[in-house]
């Protein structure tokens, strides 16, 4: 599915916020690379979030056009 709240971890990959928070409570490695993370910081991926919101709006507009 589509992410609602994308965050970037120290491995450079983007994850759903709640999923990466849960993962980092138990692990010190990347869920993708399995390499040790240099830190446990996560930051919001604002550009991806904005793109997702824009896409969702366009889908809603298309759906309304078809009704």
PDB file of N, CA and C in Angstrom:
ATOM      1  N   UNK A   1       0.799  -1.193   0.000  1.00  0.00           N
ATOM      2  CA  UNK A   1       0.000   0.000   0.000  1.00  0.00           C
ATOM      3  C   UNK A   1       0.845   1.263   0.000  1.00  0.00           C
ATOM      4  N   UNK A   2       0.175   2.353  -0.031  1.00  0.00           N
ATOM      5  CA  UNK A   2       0.813   3.658  -0.064  1.00  0.00           C
ATOM      6  C   UNK A   2       1.138   4.109   1.355  1.00  0.00           C
ATOM      7  N   UNK A   3       2.285   4.724   1.538  1.00  0.00           N
ATOM      8  CA  UNK A   3       2.652   5.222   2.861  1.00  0.00           C
ATOM      9  C   UNK A   3       1.804   6.436   3.236  1.00  0.00           C
ATOM     10  N   UNK A   4       1.516   6.570   4.516  1.00  0.00           N
ATOM     11  CA  UNK A   4       0.812   7.751   5.015  1.00  0.00           C
ATOM     12  C   UNK A   4       1.773   8.731   5.658  1.00  0.00           C
ATOM     13  N   UNK A   5       2.807   8.209   6.311  1.00  0.00           N
ATOM     14  CA  UNK A   5       3.712   9.053   7.096  1.00  0.00           C
ATOM     15  C   UNK A   5       5.153   8.577   6.893  1.00  0.00           C
ATOM     16  N   UNK A   6       5.741   8.882   5.713  1.00  0.00           N
ATOM     17  CA  UNK A   6       7.073   8.356   5.395  1.00  0.00           C
ATOM     18  C   UNK A   6       8.201   9.021   6.177  1.00  0.00           C
ATOM     19  N   UNK A   7       9.099   8.201   6.704  1.00  0.00           N
ATOM     20  CA  UNK A   7      10.275   8.683   7.441  1.00  0.00           C
ATOM     21  C   UNK A   7      11.519   7.998   6.885  1.00  0.00           C
ATOM     22  N   UNK A   8      12.631   8.732   6.874  1.00  0.00           N
ATOM     23  CA  UNK A   8      13.910   8.202   6.414  1.00  0.00           C
ATOM     24  C   UNK A   8      14.729   7.784   7.632  1.00  0.00           C
ATOM     25  N   UNK A   9      15.295   6.582   7.569  1.00  0.00           N
ATOM     26  CA  UNK A   9      16.180   6.088   8.626  1.00  0.00           C
ATOM     27  C   UNK A   9      17.629   6.324   8.208  1.00  0.00           C
ATOM     28  N   UNK A  10      18.560   5.997   9.098  1.00  0.00           N
ATOM     29  CA  UNK A  10      19.983   6.232   8.855  1.00  0.00           C
ATOM     30  C   UNK A  10      20.545   5.383   7.717  1.00  0.00           C
ATOM     31  N   UNK A  11      19.782   4.381   7.240  1.00  0.00           N
ATOM     32  CA  UNK A  11      20.235   3.585   6.097  1.00  0.00           C
ATOM     33  C   UNK A  11      19.891   4.246   4.764  1.00  0.00           C
ATOM     34  N   UNK A  12      19.193   5.401   4.837  1.00  0.00           N
ATOM     35  CA  UNK A  12      18.819   6.120   3.624  1.00  0.00           C
ATOM     36  C   UNK A  12      17.516   5.655   3.013  1.00  0.00           C
ATOM     37  N   UNK A  13      16.898   4.619   3.592  1.00  0.00           N
ATOM     38  CA  UNK A  13      15.631   4.109   3.082  1.00  0.00           C
ATOM     39  C   UNK A  13      14.461   4.771   3.803  1.00  0.00           C
ATOM     40  N   UNK A  14      13.332   4.825   3.125  1.00  0.00           N
ATOM     41  CA  UNK A  14      12.125   5.433   3.680  1.00  0.00           C
ATOM     42  C   UNK A  14      11.161   4.344   4.132  1.00  0.00           C
ATOM     43  N   UNK A  15      10.576   4.556   5.304  1.00  0.00           N
ATOM     44  CA  UNK A  15       9.656   3.589   5.909  1.00  0.00           C
ATOM     45  C   UNK A  15       8.422   4.308   6.429  1.00  0.00           C
ATOM     46  N   UNK A  16       7.356   3.560   6.640  1.00  0.00           N
ATOM     47  CA  UNK A  16       6.189   4.087   7.350  1.00  0.00           C
ATOM     48  C   UNK A  16       6.620   4.397   8.783  1.00  0.00           C
ATOM     49  N   UNK A  17       6.259   5.580   9.288  1.00  0.00           N
ATOM     50  CA  UNK A  17       6.733   6.064  10.588  1.00  0.00           C
ATOM     51  C   UNK A  17       6.532   5.040  11.704  1.00  0.00           C
ATOM     52  N   UNK A  18       5.308   4.554  11.873  1.00  0.00           N
ATOM     53  CA  UNK A  18       5.051   3.632  13.002  1.00  0.00           C
ATOM     54  C   UNK A  18       5.845   2.334  12.836  1.00  0.00           C
ATOM     55  N   UNK A  19       6.046   1.890  11.591  1.00  0.00           N
ATOM     56  CA  UNK A  19       6.753   0.627  11.362  1.00  0.00           C
ATOM     57  C   UNK A  19       8.236   0.747  11.722  1.00  0.00           C
ATOM     58  N   UNK A  20       8.875   1.832  11.303  1.00  0.00           N
ATOM     59  CA  UNK A  20      10.303   1.982  11.604  1.00  0.00           C
ATOM     60  C   UNK A  20      10.513   2.275  13.092  1.00  0.00           C
ATOM     61  N   UNK A  21       9.575   3.007  13.718  1.00  0.00           N
ATOM     62  CA  UNK A  21       9.682   3.237  15.171  1.00  0.00           C
ATOM     63  C   UNK A  21       9.625   1.908  15.926  1.00  0.00           C
ATOM     64  N   UNK A  22       8.682   1.044  15.545  1.00  0.00           N
ATOM     65  CA  UNK A  22       8.554  -0.273  16.189  1.00  0.00           C
ATOM     66  C   UNK A  22       9.810  -1.114  15.965  1.00  0.00           C
ATOM     67  N   UNK A  23      10.317  -1.094  14.726  1.00  0.00           N
ATOM     68  CA  UNK A  23      11.528  -1.868  14.384  1.00  0.00           C
ATOM     69  C   UNK A  23      12.707  -1.420  15.241  1.00  0.00           C
ATOM     70  N   UNK A  24      12.902  -0.102  15.364  1.00  0.00           N
ATOM     71  CA  UNK A  24      14.069   0.422  16.079  1.00  0.00           C
ATOM     72  C   UNK A  24      14.000   0.206  17.589  1.00  0.00           C
ATOM     73  N   UNK A  25      12.823  -0.111  18.109  1.00  0.00           N
ATOM     74  CA  UNK A  25      12.725  -0.453  19.532  1.00  0.00           C
ATOM     75  C   UNK A  25      13.448  -1.774  19.825  1.00  0.00           C
ATOM     76  N   UNK A  26      13.505  -2.656  18.826  1.00  0.00           N
ATOM     77  CA  UNK A  26      14.047  -3.998  19.032  1.00  0.00           C
ATOM     78  C   UNK A  26      15.348  -4.271  18.282  1.00  0.00           C
ATOM     79  N   UNK A  27      15.653  -3.459  17.263  1.00  0.00           N
ATOM     80  CA  UNK A  27      16.788  -3.757  16.383  1.00  0.00           C
ATOM     81  C   UNK A  27      17.721  -2.565  16.264  1.00  0.00           C
ATOM     82  N   UNK A  28      18.966  -2.861  15.911  1.00  0.00           N
ATOM     83  CA  UNK A  28      19.977  -1.821  15.666  1.00  0.00           C
ATOM     84  C   UNK A  28      20.520  -1.938  14.243  1.00  0.00           C
ATOM     85  N   UNK A  29      19.809  -2.701  13.411  1.00  0.00           N
ATOM     86  CA  UNK A  29      20.224  -2.898  12.022  1.00  0.00           C
ATOM     87  C   UNK A  29      19.110  -2.443  11.085  1.00  0.00           C
ATOM     88  N   UNK A  30      19.492  -2.195   9.836  1.00  0.00           N
ATOM     89  CA  UNK A  30      18.521  -1.811   8.812  1.00  0.00           C
ATOM     90  C   UNK A  30      17.609  -2.977   8.486  1.00  0.00           C
ATOM     91  N   UNK A  31      16.294  -2.750   8.384  1.00  0.00           N
ATOM     92  CA  UNK A  31      15.393  -3.835   7.989  1.00  0.00           C
ATOM     93  C   UNK A  31      15.647  -4.298   6.554  1.00  0.00           C
ATOM     94  N   UNK A  32      16.268  -3.464   5.733  1.00  0.00           N
ATOM     95  CA  UNK A  32      16.519  -3.821   4.335  1.00  0.00           C
ATOM     96  C   UNK A  32      17.903  -4.431   4.147  1.00  0.00           C
ATOM     97  N   UNK A  33      18.939  -3.747   4.634  1.00  0.00           N
ATOM     98  CA  UNK A  33      20.311  -4.206   4.385  1.00  0.00           C
ATOM     99  C   UNK A  33      20.826  -5.156   5.471  1.00  0.00           C
ATOM    100  N   UNK A  34      20.190  -5.126   6.632  1.00  0.00           N
ATOM    101  CA  UNK A  34      20.630  -5.889   7.818  1.00  0.00           C
ATOM    102  C   UNK A  34      21.987  -5.425   8.346  1.00  0.00           C
ATOM    103  N   UNK A  35      22.471  -4.282   7.837  1.00  0.00           N
ATOM    104  CA  UNK A  35      23.722  -3.715   8.342  1.00  0.00           C
ATOM    105  C   UNK A  35      23.430  -2.863   9.568  1.00  0.00           C
ATOM    106  N   UNK A  36      24.425  -2.765  10.456  1.00  0.00           N
ATOM    107  CA  UNK A  36      24.268  -1.950  11.657  1.00  0.00           C
ATOM    108  C   UNK A  36      24.037  -0.501  11.257  1.00  0.00           C
ATOM    109  N   UNK A  37      23.046   0.125  11.877  1.00  0.00           N
ATOM    110  CA  UNK A  37      22.749   1.527  11.599  1.00  0.00           C
ATOM    111  C   UNK A  37      23.742   2.433  12.327  1.00  0.00           C
ATOM    112  N   UNK A  38      24.231   3.487  11.657  1.00  0.00           N
ATOM    113  CA  UNK A  38      25.162   4.405  12.308  1.00  0.00           C
ATOM    114  C   UNK A  38      24.508   5.167  13.464  1.00  0.00           C
ATOM    115  N   UNK A  39      23.189   5.343  13.393  1.00  0.00           N
ATOM    116  CA  UNK A  39      22.431   5.965  14.484  1.00  0.00           C
ATOM    117  C   UNK A  39      20.977   5.551  14.336  1.00  0.00           C
ATOM    118  N   UNK A  40      20.175   5.877  15.344  1.00  0.00           N
ATOM    119  CA  UNK A  40      18.773   5.466  15.338  1.00  0.00           C
ATOM    120  C   UNK A  40      17.839   6.630  15.031  1.00  0.00           C
ATOM    121  N   UNK A  41      18.397   7.681  14.428  1.00  0.00           N
ATOM    122  CA  UNK A  41      17.581   8.843  14.074  1.00  0.00           C
ATOM    123  C   UNK A  41      16.661   8.517  12.905  1.00  0.00           C
ATOM    124  N   UNK A  42      15.469   9.084  12.944  1.00  0.00           N
ATOM    125  CA  UNK A  42      14.572   9.034  11.796  1.00  0.00           C
ATOM    126  C   UNK A  42      14.053  10.451  11.562  1.00  0.00           C
ATOM    127  N   UNK A  43      13.920  10.801  10.288  1.00  0.00           N
ATOM    128  CA  UNK A  43      13.434  12.147   9.963  1.00  0.00           C
ATOM    129  C   UNK A  43      12.305  12.053   8.938  1.00  0.00           C
ATOM    130  N   UNK A  44      11.339  12.972   9.009  1.00  0.00           N
ATOM    131  CA  UNK A  44      10.232  12.936   8.051  1.00  0.00           C
ATOM    132  C   UNK A  44      10.733  13.133   6.621  1.00  0.00           C
ATOM    133  N   UNK A  45      10.174  12.376   5.692  1.00  0.00           N
ATOM    134  CA  UNK A  45      10.475  12.540   4.278  1.00  0.00           C
ATOM    135  C   UNK A  45       9.398  13.471   3.707  1.00  0.00           C
ATOM    136  N   UNK A  46       9.623  14.780   3.850  1.00  0.00           N
ATOM    137  CA  UNK A  46       8.609  15.776   3.477  1.00  0.00           C
ATOM    138  C   UNK A  46       8.289  15.759   1.991  1.00  0.00           C
ATOM    139  N   UNK A  47       9.310  15.585   1.150  1.00  0.00           N
ATOM    140  CA  UNK A  47       9.048  15.618  -0.293  1.00  0.00           C
ATOM    141  C   UNK A  47       8.196  14.422  -0.714  1.00  0.00           C
ATOM    142  N   UNK A  48       8.490  13.231  -0.175  1.00  0.00           N
ATOM    143  CA  UNK A  48       7.675  12.065  -0.506  1.00  0.00           C
ATOM    144  C   UNK A  48       6.264  12.221   0.057  1.00  0.00           C
ATOM    145  N   UNK A  49       6.145  12.742   1.265  1.00  0.00           N
ATOM    146  CA  UNK A  49       4.834  12.960   1.873  1.00  0.00           C
ATOM    147  C   UNK A  49       3.989  13.886   0.998  1.00  0.00           C
ATOM    148  N   UNK A  50       4.591  14.975   0.526  1.00  0.00           N
ATOM    149  CA  UNK A  50       3.880  15.934  -0.329  1.00  0.00           C
ATOM    150  C   UNK A  50       3.451  15.267  -1.640  1.00  0.00           C
ATOM    151  N   UNK A  51       4.336  14.453  -2.210  1.00  0.00           N
ATOM    152  CA  UNK A  51       4.020  13.765  -3.466  1.00  0.00           C
ATOM    153  C   UNK A  51       2.864  12.786  -3.281  1.00  0.00           C
ATOM    154  N   UNK A  52       2.853  12.075  -2.160  1.00  0.00           N
ATOM    155  CA  UNK A  52       1.775  11.123  -1.867  1.00  0.00           C
ATOM    156  C   UNK A  52       0.448  11.863  -1.718  1.00  0.00           C
ATOM    157  N   UNK A  53       0.469  12.987  -0.989  1.00  0.00           N
ATOM    158  CA  UNK A  53      -0.761  13.766  -0.804  1.00  0.00           C
ATOM    159  C   UNK A  53      -1.289  14.262  -2.146  1.00  0.00           C
ATOM    160  N   UNK A  54      -0.385  14.728  -2.997  1.00  0.00           N
ATOM    161  CA  UNK A  54      -0.768  15.220  -4.327  1.00  0.00           C
ATOM    162  C   UNK A  54      -1.377  14.089  -5.151  1.00  0.00           C
ATOM    163  N   UNK A  55      -0.749  12.913  -5.089  1.00  0.00           N
ATOM    164  CA  UNK A  55      -1.253  11.760  -5.835  1.00  0.00           C
ATOM    165  C   UNK A  55      -2.648  11.363  -5.332  1.00  0.00           C
ATOM    166  N   UNK A  56      -2.817  11.345  -4.009  1.00  0.00           N
ATOM    167  CA  UNK A  56      -4.127  10.990  -3.444  1.00  0.00           C
ATOM    168  C   UNK A  56      -5.204  11.965  -3.905  1.00  0.00           C
ATOM    169  N   UNK A  57      -4.868  13.260  -3.941  1.00  0.00           N
ATOM    170  CA  UNK A  57      -5.824  14.274  -4.427  1.00  0.00           C
ATOM    171  C   UNK A  57      -6.186  14.015  -5.881  1.00  0.00           C
ATOM    172  N   UNK A  58      -5.206  13.686  -6.702  1.00  0.00           N
ATOM    173  CA  UNK A  58      -5.474  13.446  -8.123  1.00  0.00           C
ATOM    174  C   UNK A  58      -6.357  12.213  -8.300  1.00  0.00           C
ATOM    175  N   UNK A  59      -6.159  11.195  -7.466  1.00  0.00           N
ATOM    176  CA  UNK A  59      -6.987   9.990  -7.536  1.00  0.00           C
ATOM    177  C   UNK A  59      -8.428  10.290  -7.146  1.00  0.00           C
ATOM    178  N   UNK A  60      -8.601  11.128  -6.119  1.00  0.00           N
ATOM    179  CA  UNK A  60      -9.941  11.524  -5.676  1.00  0.00           C
ATOM    180  C   UNK A  60     -10.626  12.303  -6.776  1.00  0.00           C
ATOM    181  N   UNK A  61      -9.899  13.211  -7.426  1.00  0.00           N
ATOM    182  CA  UNK A  61     -10.469  14.005  -8.511  1.00  0.00           C
ATOM    183  C   UNK A  61     -10.894  13.111  -9.670  1.00  0.00           C
ATOM    184  N   UNK A  62     -10.067  12.121 -10.002  1.00  0.00           N
ATOM    185  CA  UNK A  62     -10.399  11.197 -11.089  1.00  0.00           C
ATOM    186  C   UNK A  62     -11.637  10.373 -10.745  1.00  0.00           C
ATOM    187  N   UNK A  63     -11.703   9.922  -9.496  1.00  0.00           N
ATOM    188  CA  UNK A  63     -12.834   9.109  -9.057  1.00  0.00           C
ATOM    189  C   UNK A  63     -14.132   9.906  -9.152  1.00  0.00           C
ATOM    190  N   UNK A  64     -14.081  11.174  -8.749  1.00  0.00           N
ATOM    191  CA  UNK A  64     -15.276  12.014  -8.794  1.00  0.00           C
ATOM    192  C   UNK A  64     -15.709  12.310 -10.223  1.00  0.00           C
ATOM    193  N   UNK A  65     -14.756  12.367 -11.134  1.00  0.00           N
ATOM    194  CA  UNK A  65     -15.062  12.623 -12.539  1.00  0.00           C
ATOM    195  C   UNK A  65     -15.851  11.457 -13.143  1.00  0.00           C
ATOM    196  N   UNK A  66     -15.540  10.241 -12.678  1.00  0.00           N
ATOM    197  CA  UNK A  66     -16.175   9.059 -13.249  1.00  0.00           C
ATOM    198  C   UNK A  66     -17.593   8.802 -12.722  1.00  0.00           C
ATOM    199  N   UNK A  67     -17.984   9.481 -11.667  1.00  0.00           N
ATOM    200  CA  UNK A  67     -19.316   9.220 -11.073  1.00  0.00           C
ATOM    201  C   UNK A  67     -20.416   9.890 -11.862  1.00  0.00           C
TER     202      UNK A  67
END
